Amino acid sequence: MGSALDHDGPMPTEIVDAHHHLWDLGRFPYPWLAPDAPPRPFGNHDAIKRNYLTVDYLTHFDGLPLVGSVHVQANCGAANPSDETAWLADLSQTSGWPNAVVGDIDLSSEMAADILKAHAQYPLAKGVRAFVAHDRSGRWRLSDRPHMMNDLTFIRNASLLSEMGFSLDLVIVPDQLVEVAQLATAVPDLVIIIDHLATPEPVSLSSWRTGVEAVRGFDNIAMKLSGLWTIDKLWRPENLRSYTHHVLKQLGGDRLMYGSNAPIETLHCSVFDQVSTLASLIAENDPQSIDAVFCKTATRLYRL
């Protein structure tokens, strides 16, 4: 494992990890982590079909200046999604981590308002995440239908999020960036955070670039530099450069934030390698944005 002390390139002085997971397999079902669960799009995940708790998470940041973390729902399978938030609130009380929680929600459901109120019982809850990815090819079908963000029920519940002071994380594909811009227009006070850079792949680079340009004018839209395995599992700079340079130019560091996506991303790329690679790529274009991407943007948008 690398260390900031033996790395001669640019590194952040503080890190708020804007996207990670924890799980306790004895507490919730986690169907996707069952012993017989098939491989995920990111590959074989047998190595993470075990408890992954605070002590495991912190090990990934050995030698790095981690000062805060945001837990994003982990598809735990609880009957009531707020049960995961309640568990994480207890975990934070005893361990000091995480410092914010993004809970599970189905914003197309008539029951969403009740779930939101249940999440909101816990001060640690700062927002929720909705899976709306639905592409033409069928590779990314995380929602049961296309154009979910245009549904009146979805927009009504998104407006409720805004009224509650919650942010909205979205899992989308590049072609849906235009729909996110439409949602930002419909609910202009809602902070919208696009996970995993909108799930780009090399084959979708052109549509991704166009989509990023479509959301440029919306100050309430931010993106996470996380889950970049869809571009390159090893986070090699020569493969990430065109993405990081474009999104920095279009959005700037104050609308971008780093997320480790641990432990999923660490199956292929260590947290240290993620941080050092990303910091070097940012420094090529805008070294002043390193502190924003690694700490300040997440601190502001998740209200830490």
Protein backbone atom coordinates (compact mmCIF):
# COMPACT_ATOMS: atom_id res chain seq x y z
CA MET A 1 0.00 0.00 0.00
CA GLY A 2 1.23 3.48 -0.85
CA SER A 3 1.61 6.37 1.52
CA ALA A 4 1.29 10.13 1.09
CA LEU A 5 4.74 10.35 2.70
CA ASP A 6 6.45 8.44 -0.11
CA HIS A 7 4.43 9.94 -2.94
CA ASP A 8 6.09 12.89 -4.66
CA GLY A 9 3.05 14.04 -6.67
CA PRO A 10 0.22 16.35 -5.56
CA MET A 11 -1.99 15.03 -2.76
CA PRO A 12 -4.97 16.47 -0.88
CA THR A 13 -4.42 17.86 2.61
CA GLU A 14 -7.81 16.59 3.79
CA ILE A 15 -10.23 13.99 2.41
CA VAL A 16 -13.96 13.69 2.85
CA ASP A 17 -14.93 10.43 1.18
CA ALA A 18 -18.24 11.30 -0.48
CA HIS A 19 -19.22 7.74 -1.37
CA HIS A 20 -18.60 4.49 0.48
CA HIS A 21 -20.50 1.54 1.89
CA LEU A 22 -20.60 -0.56 5.06
CA TRP A 23 -22.51 -3.75 5.72
CA ASP A 24 -23.33 -6.29 8.41
CA LEU A 25 -24.51 -9.52 6.79
CA GLY A 26 -26.09 -10.70 10.03
CA ARG A 27 -28.29 -7.62 10.31
CA PHE A 28 -29.83 -7.23 6.83
CA PRO A 29 -30.36 -9.65 3.90
CA TYR A 30 -28.10 -7.99 1.26
CA PRO A 31 -29.29 -10.35 -1.53
CA TRP A 32 -26.51 -9.20 -3.85
CA LEU A 33 -23.91 -10.34 -1.28
CA ALA A 34 -25.38 -13.82 -0.71
CA PRO A 35 -22.90 -16.70 -1.13
CA ASP A 36 -24.55 -17.78 -4.40
CA ALA A 37 -25.08 -14.26 -5.77
CA PRO A 38 -23.75 -14.06 -9.36
CA PRO A 39 -20.96 -11.66 -10.35
CA ARG A 40 -21.83 -7.99 -10.62
CA PRO A 41 -21.11 -5.73 -13.61
CA PHE A 42 -17.79 -4.80 -11.95
CA GLY A 43 -16.78 -8.47 -11.82
CA ASN A 44 -16.51 -11.30 -9.32
CA HIS A 45 -17.21 -9.99 -5.83
CA ASP A 46 -16.70 -13.07 -3.68
CA ALA A 47 -13.96 -11.19 -1.78
CA ILE A 48 -16.50 -8.70 -0.36
CA LYS A 49 -19.22 -11.21 0.56
CA ARG A 50 -18.36 -10.72 4.22
CA ASN A 51 -18.97 -8.12 6.88
CA TYR A 52 -17.47 -4.77 5.97
CA LEU A 53 -17.49 -2.47 8.97
CA THR A 54 -15.75 0.68 10.16
CA VAL A 55 -12.45 -0.97 11.05
CA ASP A 56 -12.28 -2.54 7.57
CA TYR A 57 -13.14 0.74 5.90
CA LEU A 58 -10.55 2.79 7.78
CA THR A 59 -7.82 0.33 6.81
CA HIS A 60 -8.25 1.43 3.20
CA PHE A 61 -7.31 4.98 4.21
CA ASP A 62 -4.13 4.15 6.12
CA GLY A 63 -1.64 6.97 5.55
CA LEU A 64 -4.27 9.29 4.04
CA PRO A 65 -5.82 12.39 5.69
CA LEU A 66 -9.42 11.15 5.99
CA VAL A 67 -11.49 13.67 7.97
CA GLY A 68 -15.05 12.67 7.05
CA SER A 69 -17.14 10.14 5.18
CA VAL A 70 -20.54 9.83 3.53
CA HIS A 71 -22.20 6.43 3.58
CA VAL A 72 -24.40 5.71 0.57
CA GLN A 73 -27.10 3.07 0.84
CA ALA A 74 -25.84 -0.43 0.15
CA ASN A 75 -28.95 -2.23 -1.15
CA CYS A 76 -29.31 -3.92 2.22
CA GLY A 77 -32.73 -5.41 1.47
CA ALA A 78 -34.42 -4.12 4.64
CA ALA A 79 -38.22 -4.02 4.50
CA ASN A 80 -38.03 -0.41 5.70
CA PRO A 81 -35.07 1.41 4.11
CA SER A 82 -34.78 3.71 7.14
CA ASP A 83 -33.65 0.72 9.22
CA GLU A 84 -30.26 0.97 7.50
CA THR A 85 -30.06 4.66 8.44
CA ALA A 86 -30.92 3.81 12.06
CA TRP A 87 -28.11 1.22 12.17
CA LEU A 88 -25.61 3.65 10.70
CA ALA A 89 -26.63 6.32 13.20
CA ASP A 90 -25.83 3.88 16.01
CA LEU A 91 -22.55 2.93 14.35
CA SER A 92 -21.58 6.58 14.05
CA GLN A 93 -22.29 7.12 17.75
CA THR A 94 -19.93 4.33 18.76
CA SER A 95 -17.18 4.60 16.13
CA GLY A 96 -17.33 8.18 14.85
CA TRP A 97 -18.00 6.96 11.29
CA PRO A 98 -19.75 7.64 8.98
CA ASN A 99 -20.44 11.38 9.28
CA ALA A 100 -23.39 11.50 6.88
CA VAL A 101 -25.83 9.02 5.36
CA VAL A 102 -27.53 8.91 1.98
CA GLY A 103 -30.49 6.58 2.39
CA ASP A 104 -32.45 4.32 0.09
CA ILE A 105 -35.64 5.57 -1.60
CA ASP A 106 -38.00 4.88 -4.48
CA LEU A 107 -39.15 8.34 -5.51
CA SER A 108 -41.70 6.86 -7.90
CA SER A 109 -43.58 5.32 -4.96
CA GLU A 110 -46.63 6.84 -3.30
CA MET A 111 -45.03 5.75 0.00
CA ALA A 112 -41.90 7.84 -0.54
CA ALA A 113 -43.04 10.65 1.76
CA ASP A 114 -43.35 8.24 4.70
CA ILE A 115 -39.91 6.73 4.01
CA LEU A 116 -38.37 10.21 3.81
CA LYS A 117 -39.87 11.15 7.18
CA ALA A 118 -38.44 7.95 8.66
CA HIS A 119 -34.96 8.77 7.35
CA ALA A 120 -35.26 12.33 8.61
CA GLN A 121 -35.55 11.15 12.24
CA TYR A 122 -31.78 10.81 12.19
CA PRO A 123 -29.63 13.96 11.97
CA LEU A 124 -26.97 11.89 10.19
CA ALA A 125 -29.33 11.54 7.19
CA LYS A 126 -28.48 14.20 4.59
CA GLY A 127 -30.14 12.81 1.48
CA VAL A 128 -31.35 9.78 -0.42
CA ARG A 129 -30.32 7.88 -3.53
CA ALA A 130 -32.54 6.86 -6.45
CA PHE A 131 -31.62 4.30 -9.10
CA VAL A 132 -33.03 5.60 -12.38
CA ALA A 133 -30.43 4.26 -14.84
CA HIS A 134 -32.16 2.86 -17.93
CA ASP A 135 -30.29 2.70 -21.23
CA ARG A 136 -31.31 1.74 -24.73
CA SER A 137 -28.87 -1.17 -24.96
CA GLY A 138 -30.16 -2.95 -21.87
CA ARG A 139 -26.79 -3.08 -20.14
CA TRP A 140 -27.87 -0.62 -17.45
CA ARG A 141 -31.46 -1.27 -16.38
CA LEU A 142 -31.53 -0.31 -12.70
CA SER A 143 -35.05 1.11 -12.99
CA ASP A 144 -38.05 -0.72 -14.39
CA ARG A 145 -38.78 1.90 -17.06
CA PRO A 146 -37.15 4.78 -18.90
CA HIS A 147 -37.70 8.47 -18.19
CA MET A 148 -38.61 7.91 -14.54
CA MET A 149 -37.36 11.38 -13.63
CA ASN A 150 -40.16 12.83 -15.78
CA ASP A 151 -42.91 11.11 -13.76
CA LEU A 152 -45.13 13.51 -11.83
CA THR A 153 -44.87 11.38 -8.69
CA PHE A 154 -41.06 11.41 -8.91
CA ILE A 155 -41.00 15.20 -9.34
CA ARG A 156 -43.45 15.71 -6.47
CA ASN A 157 -41.32 13.59 -4.15
CA ALA A 158 -38.16 15.35 -5.35
CA SER A 159 -39.80 18.64 -4.39
CA LEU A 160 -40.50 17.22 -0.94
CA LEU A 161 -36.80 16.37 -0.64
CA SER A 162 -35.97 19.98 -1.38
CA GLU A 163 -38.42 21.21 1.26
CA MET A 164 -36.83 18.87 3.83
CA GLY A 165 -33.32 20.10 3.03
CA PHE A 166 -32.27 16.70 1.67
CA SER A 167 -30.07 16.21 -1.39
CA LEU A 168 -30.72 13.63 -4.11
CA ASP A 169 -28.07 11.19 -5.33
CA LEU A 170 -28.84 9.69 -8.74
CA VAL A 171 -27.49 6.64 -10.55
CA ILE A 172 -27.88 7.30 -14.27
CA VAL A 173 -26.27 6.65 -17.64
CA PRO A 174 -24.82 9.42 -19.86
CA ASP A 175 -27.89 9.73 -22.11
CA GLN A 176 -29.94 10.68 -19.03
CA LEU A 177 -27.91 13.77 -18.17
CA VAL A 178 -30.36 15.84 -20.23
CA GLU A 179 -33.21 14.48 -18.07
CA VAL A 180 -31.29 15.49 -14.94
CA ALA A 181 -31.10 19.02 -16.32
CA GLN A 182 -34.87 18.94 -16.78
CA LEU A 183 -35.32 17.77 -13.17
CA ALA A 184 -33.04 20.56 -11.97
CA THR A 185 -35.26 23.02 -13.81
CA ALA A 186 -38.42 21.56 -12.28
CA VAL A 187 -36.98 21.54 -8.73
CA PRO A 188 -34.42 24.37 -8.74
CA ASP A 189 -33.77 24.34 -4.98
CA LEU A 190 -32.89 20.63 -4.90
CA VAL A 191 -29.21 19.67 -4.68
CA ILE A 192 -28.73 16.87 -7.22
CA ILE A 193 -25.59 14.75 -7.00
CA ILE A 194 -24.80 12.41 -9.89
CA ASP A 195 -23.01 9.30 -8.68
CA HIS A 196 -20.06 7.69 -10.44
CA LEU A 197 -19.67 10.46 -13.04
CA ALA A 198 -22.94 9.27 -14.69
CA THR A 199 -21.59 5.73 -15.32
CA PRO A 200 -19.62 6.50 -18.49
CA GLU A 201 -17.94 3.82 -20.56
CA PRO A 202 -15.44 4.30 -23.39
CA VAL A 203 -18.17 3.52 -25.93
CA SER A 204 -20.35 6.32 -24.49
CA LEU A 205 -17.65 9.01 -24.25
CA SER A 206 -19.25 11.23 -26.89
CA SER A 207 -22.75 11.18 -25.36
CA TRP A 208 -21.24 11.63 -21.91
CA ARG A 209 -19.33 14.74 -22.98
CA THR A 210 -22.49 16.20 -24.51
CA GLY A 211 -24.48 15.37 -21.38
CA VAL A 212 -21.98 17.04 -19.07
CA GLU A 213 -22.23 20.16 -21.21
CA ALA A 214 -26.04 19.99 -20.84
CA VAL A 215 -25.84 20.19 -17.03
CA ARG A 216 -23.13 22.84 -16.96
CA GLY A 217 -25.54 25.73 -16.45
CA PHE A 218 -27.27 24.24 -13.40
CA ASP A 219 -25.55 25.21 -10.17
CA ASN A 220 -27.69 22.73 -8.21
CA ILE A 221 -26.13 19.76 -10.06
CA ALA A 222 -22.85 18.21 -8.88
CA MET A 223 -21.04 15.01 -9.82
CA LYS A 224 -18.97 12.40 -8.03
CA LEU A 225 -15.58 11.24 -9.25
CA SER A 226 -16.30 7.74 -7.99
CA GLY A 227 -17.00 4.30 -9.41
CA LEU A 228 -14.67 4.93 -12.34
CA TRP A 229 -14.26 1.20 -12.92
CA THR A 230 -16.70 1.62 -15.83
CA ILE A 231 -13.93 3.55 -17.62
CA ASP A 232 -10.93 1.59 -16.34
CA LYS A 233 -10.94 -0.77 -13.35
CA LEU A 234 -7.29 0.10 -12.64
CA TRP A 235 -7.84 3.89 -12.82
CA ARG A 236 -4.94 4.32 -15.24
CA PRO A 237 -4.48 8.05 -15.85
CA GLU A 238 -4.17 7.73 -19.61
CA ASN A 239 -7.69 6.28 -19.69
CA LEU A 240 -9.27 8.68 -17.19
CA ARG A 241 -7.68 11.91 -18.42
CA SER A 242 -10.23 12.85 -21.09
CA TYR A 243 -13.04 12.45 -18.54
CA THR A 244 -11.48 14.33 -15.66
CA HIS A 245 -10.27 17.20 -17.83
CA HIS A 246 -13.65 17.64 -19.50
CA VAL A 247 -15.70 17.57 -16.32
CA LEU A 248 -13.32 19.96 -14.55
CA LYS A 249 -13.56 22.38 -17.45
CA GLN A 250 -17.34 22.21 -17.56
CA LEU A 251 -18.27 22.09 -13.86
CA GLY A 252 -15.21 23.18 -11.88
CA GLY A 253 -13.97 21.73 -8.62
CA ASP A 254 -16.77 23.24 -6.54
CA ARG A 255 -19.26 20.93 -8.27
CA LEU A 256 -17.13 17.77 -8.12
CA MET A 257 -16.31 15.44 -5.23
CA TYR A 258 -14.23 12.32 -4.73
CA GLY A 259 -15.76 9.06 -3.53
CA SER A 260 -13.85 5.84 -2.88
CA ASN A 261 -16.81 3.53 -3.58
CA ALA A 262 -15.16 1.23 -1.04
CA PRO A 263 -15.10 -1.69 -0.83
CA ILE A 264 -16.38 -2.24 -4.38
CA GLU A 265 -13.79 -0.11 -6.15
CA THR A 266 -10.98 -1.52 -4.02
CA LEU A 267 -11.47 -4.93 -5.63
CA HIS A 268 -9.41 -3.51 -8.50
CA CYS A 269 -7.85 -0.22 -7.38
CA SER A 270 -6.69 0.74 -3.88
CA VAL A 271 -7.90 3.95 -2.29
CA PHE A 272 -4.35 5.30 -2.29
CA ASP A 273 -4.04 4.72 -6.03
CA GLN A 274 -7.43 6.35 -6.61
CA VAL A 275 -6.44 9.43 -4.63
CA SER A 276 -2.95 9.81 -6.07
CA THR A 277 -4.12 9.29 -9.66
CA LEU A 278 -7.05 11.67 -9.36
CA ALA A 279 -5.00 14.36 -7.60
CA SER A 280 -2.37 14.21 -10.36
CA LEU A 281 -5.00 14.48 -13.08
CA ILE A 282 -6.65 17.47 -11.40
CA ALA A 283 -3.27 19.15 -10.96
CA GLU A 284 -2.66 18.96 -14.70
CA ASN A 285 -5.54 21.36 -15.33
CA ASP A 286 -6.59 23.05 -12.11
CA PRO A 287 -4.43 22.35 -9.04
CA GLN A 288 -6.47 24.81 -7.00
CA SER A 289 -9.43 22.41 -7.28
CA ILE A 290 -7.76 19.55 -5.40
CA ASP A 291 -9.01 20.70 -2.00
CA ALA A 292 -12.52 21.25 -3.35
CA VAL A 293 -12.79 17.85 -5.03
CA PHE A 294 -11.38 15.93 -2.09
CA CYS A 295 -13.00 17.82 0.78
CA LYS A 296 -14.77 21.15 0.40
CA THR A 297 -17.49 20.24 -2.09
CA ALA A 298 -18.69 17.21 -0.12
CA THR A 299 -18.49 19.16 3.14
CA ARG A 300 -20.72 21.87 1.69
CA LEU A 301 -23.25 19.79 -0.23
CA TYR A 302 -23.68 17.12 2.43
CA ARG A 303 -23.71 19.78 5.15
CA LEU A 304 -21.03 18.16 7.31
